[in-house]
Protein backbone atom coordinates (compact mmCIF):
# COMPACT_ATOMS: atom_id res chain seq x y z
CA MET A 1 -85.11 70.10 39.27
CA GLU A 2 -84.35 68.77 42.72
CA VAL A 3 -82.92 65.37 43.57
CA ILE A 4 -84.99 62.34 42.51
CA ASN A 5 -84.39 59.18 44.49
CA ALA A 6 -85.30 55.61 43.53
CA LEU A 7 -84.61 52.10 44.77
CA GLY A 8 -83.30 49.17 42.76
CA ARG A 9 -82.92 45.56 43.90
CA ARG A 10 -81.44 42.39 42.42
CA LYS A 11 -80.77 39.14 44.32
CA THR A 12 -79.53 40.45 47.70
CA ALA A 13 -78.18 43.77 46.35
CA VAL A 14 -80.01 47.00 47.21
CA ALA A 15 -79.17 50.26 45.42
CA ARG A 16 -80.41 53.70 46.47
CA VAL A 17 -80.11 56.03 43.48
CA TYR A 18 -80.11 59.85 43.74
CA MET A 19 -80.43 61.63 40.37
CA SER A 20 -79.95 65.35 39.73
CA LYS A 21 -79.19 67.60 36.76
CA GLY A 22 -75.52 67.59 35.86
CA LYS A 23 -72.78 66.48 33.50
CA GLY A 24 -73.28 62.69 33.63
CA LYS A 25 -71.03 61.87 36.57
CA ILE A 26 -71.85 58.54 38.27
CA VAL A 27 -70.58 58.05 41.84
CA VAL A 28 -71.09 54.66 43.53
CA ASN A 29 -70.39 54.44 47.29
CA LYS A 30 -68.35 57.70 47.11
CA LYS A 31 -66.11 56.22 44.39
CA GLU A 32 -66.04 56.71 40.63
CA MET A 33 -68.13 54.15 38.71
CA LYS A 34 -65.05 52.97 36.75
CA VAL A 35 -63.29 52.17 40.05
CA MET A 36 -66.21 50.23 41.54
CA PHE A 37 -67.07 48.43 38.28
CA PRO A 38 -63.86 48.00 36.25
CA ILE A 39 -65.47 45.54 33.81
CA ASP A 40 -66.86 47.16 30.62
CA VAL A 41 -69.95 44.89 30.56
CA LEU A 42 -71.03 46.09 34.01
CA GLN A 43 -70.45 49.74 33.04
CA ALA A 44 -72.59 49.16 29.93
CA LYS A 45 -75.37 47.67 32.11
CA ILE A 46 -75.37 50.77 34.32
CA ASN A 47 -75.42 53.16 31.32
CA GLN A 48 -78.08 51.19 29.40
CA PRO A 49 -81.11 53.26 30.60
CA PHE A 50 -79.39 56.51 29.56
CA ILE A 51 -78.49 55.12 26.12
CA LEU A 52 -82.05 53.92 25.47
CA THR A 53 -83.61 57.26 26.50
CA ASP A 54 -80.91 59.48 24.83
CA THR A 55 -80.08 61.18 28.14
CA VAL A 56 -76.35 60.36 28.26
CA GLY A 57 -74.45 63.08 30.13
CA GLN A 58 -77.54 65.01 31.31
CA TYR A 59 -77.84 63.75 34.90
CA ASP A 60 -75.47 63.20 37.80
CA ILE A 61 -76.04 59.97 39.69
CA LYS A 62 -75.09 59.26 43.31
CA VAL A 63 -75.60 55.66 44.41
CA ASN A 64 -75.40 53.84 47.72
CA VAL A 65 -75.33 50.11 47.05
CA MET A 66 -74.89 47.21 49.47
CA GLY A 67 -75.21 43.43 49.47
CA GLY A 68 -74.71 40.86 46.73
CA GLY A 69 -71.89 40.66 44.21
CA ILE A 70 -70.78 43.16 41.58
CA ASN A 71 -73.14 41.83 38.89
CA GLY A 72 -76.17 41.96 41.17
CA GLN A 73 -75.16 45.44 42.32
CA ALA A 74 -74.80 46.68 38.73
CA GLU A 75 -78.26 45.35 37.83
CA ALA A 76 -79.76 46.88 40.99
CA ILE A 77 -78.27 50.26 40.00
CA ARG A 78 -79.68 49.84 36.48
CA LEU A 79 -83.19 49.27 37.87
CA GLY A 80 -82.85 52.25 40.21
CA ILE A 81 -81.74 54.55 37.36
CA SER A 82 -84.61 53.31 35.17
CA ARG A 83 -87.15 54.02 37.92
CA ALA A 84 -85.67 57.50 38.49
CA LEU A 85 -85.89 58.32 34.76
CA VAL A 86 -89.55 57.23 34.67
CA GLU A 87 -90.26 59.38 37.74
CA LEU A 88 -88.71 62.29 35.83
CA SER A 89 -90.69 61.67 32.61
CA ALA A 90 -93.36 59.02 32.05
CA ASP A 91 -92.55 59.04 28.30
CA TYR A 92 -89.47 56.88 28.99
CA LYS A 93 -91.47 54.00 30.50
CA PRO A 94 -92.46 52.21 27.22
CA LEU A 95 -88.84 52.37 25.95
CA LEU A 96 -87.40 50.95 29.17
CA LYS A 97 -90.19 48.39 29.62
CA ALA A 98 -89.62 47.01 26.09
CA GLU A 99 -85.99 46.26 27.04
CA GLY A 100 -87.06 44.68 30.36
CA LEU A 101 -85.44 47.36 32.54
CA MET A 102 -88.57 48.19 34.55
CA THR A 103 -88.99 44.63 35.85
CA ARG A 104 -87.59 43.61 39.23
CA ASP A 105 -85.89 40.26 38.67
CA PRO A 106 -87.26 38.01 41.47
CA ARG A 107 -84.71 35.19 41.14
CA MET A 108 -82.99 34.58 44.47
CA VAL A 109 -80.72 31.83 45.80
CA GLU A 110 -82.77 28.89 47.04
CA ARG A 111 -82.27 28.09 50.70
CA LYS A 112 -80.41 25.00 51.91
CA LYS A 113 -82.72 22.33 53.32
CA PRO A 114 -81.95 20.16 56.36
CA GLY A 115 -80.80 16.60 55.59
CA GLN A 116 -79.27 17.71 52.29
CA PRO A 117 -75.81 19.07 51.49
CA LYS A 118 -77.20 21.92 49.29
CA ALA A 119 -80.57 23.26 48.19
CA ARG A 120 -81.42 20.45 45.75
CA LYS A 121 -78.49 18.03 45.99
CA LYS A 122 -79.05 14.90 48.09
CA PHE A 123 -76.55 12.81 50.01
CA GLN A 124 -75.53 9.60 48.22
CA PHE A 125 -78.22 6.91 48.49
CA SER A 126 -77.20 3.39 49.40
CA LYS A 127 -79.65 0.57 48.69
CA ARG A 128 -77.80 -2.04 50.80
């Protein structure tokens, strides 16, 4: 098995995922996953596709991620890993799709409009 690469996006975060056979080591931006994502919830999000497909510790993951915050980056990595697993074996797709891991979340920050302080907020209105 050669290297499988996939792309994951969430908000403004973009993650390029490179998956190969190995011992389950996850490297994000040339750092250990536990260093980049010290919060357990984010680590669980990244490992979720492996747990659902019973492939924990079978593949090494190398990720280049940029943009967004740590939560958006973790979810972008999760989507990239899910897509790489499906590319490896199509049998995983129904399992991952049932948990909503194959869907690209389209929610983005709404742009600020002119004549307003924020996207939806208006300046205070004075009748007189």
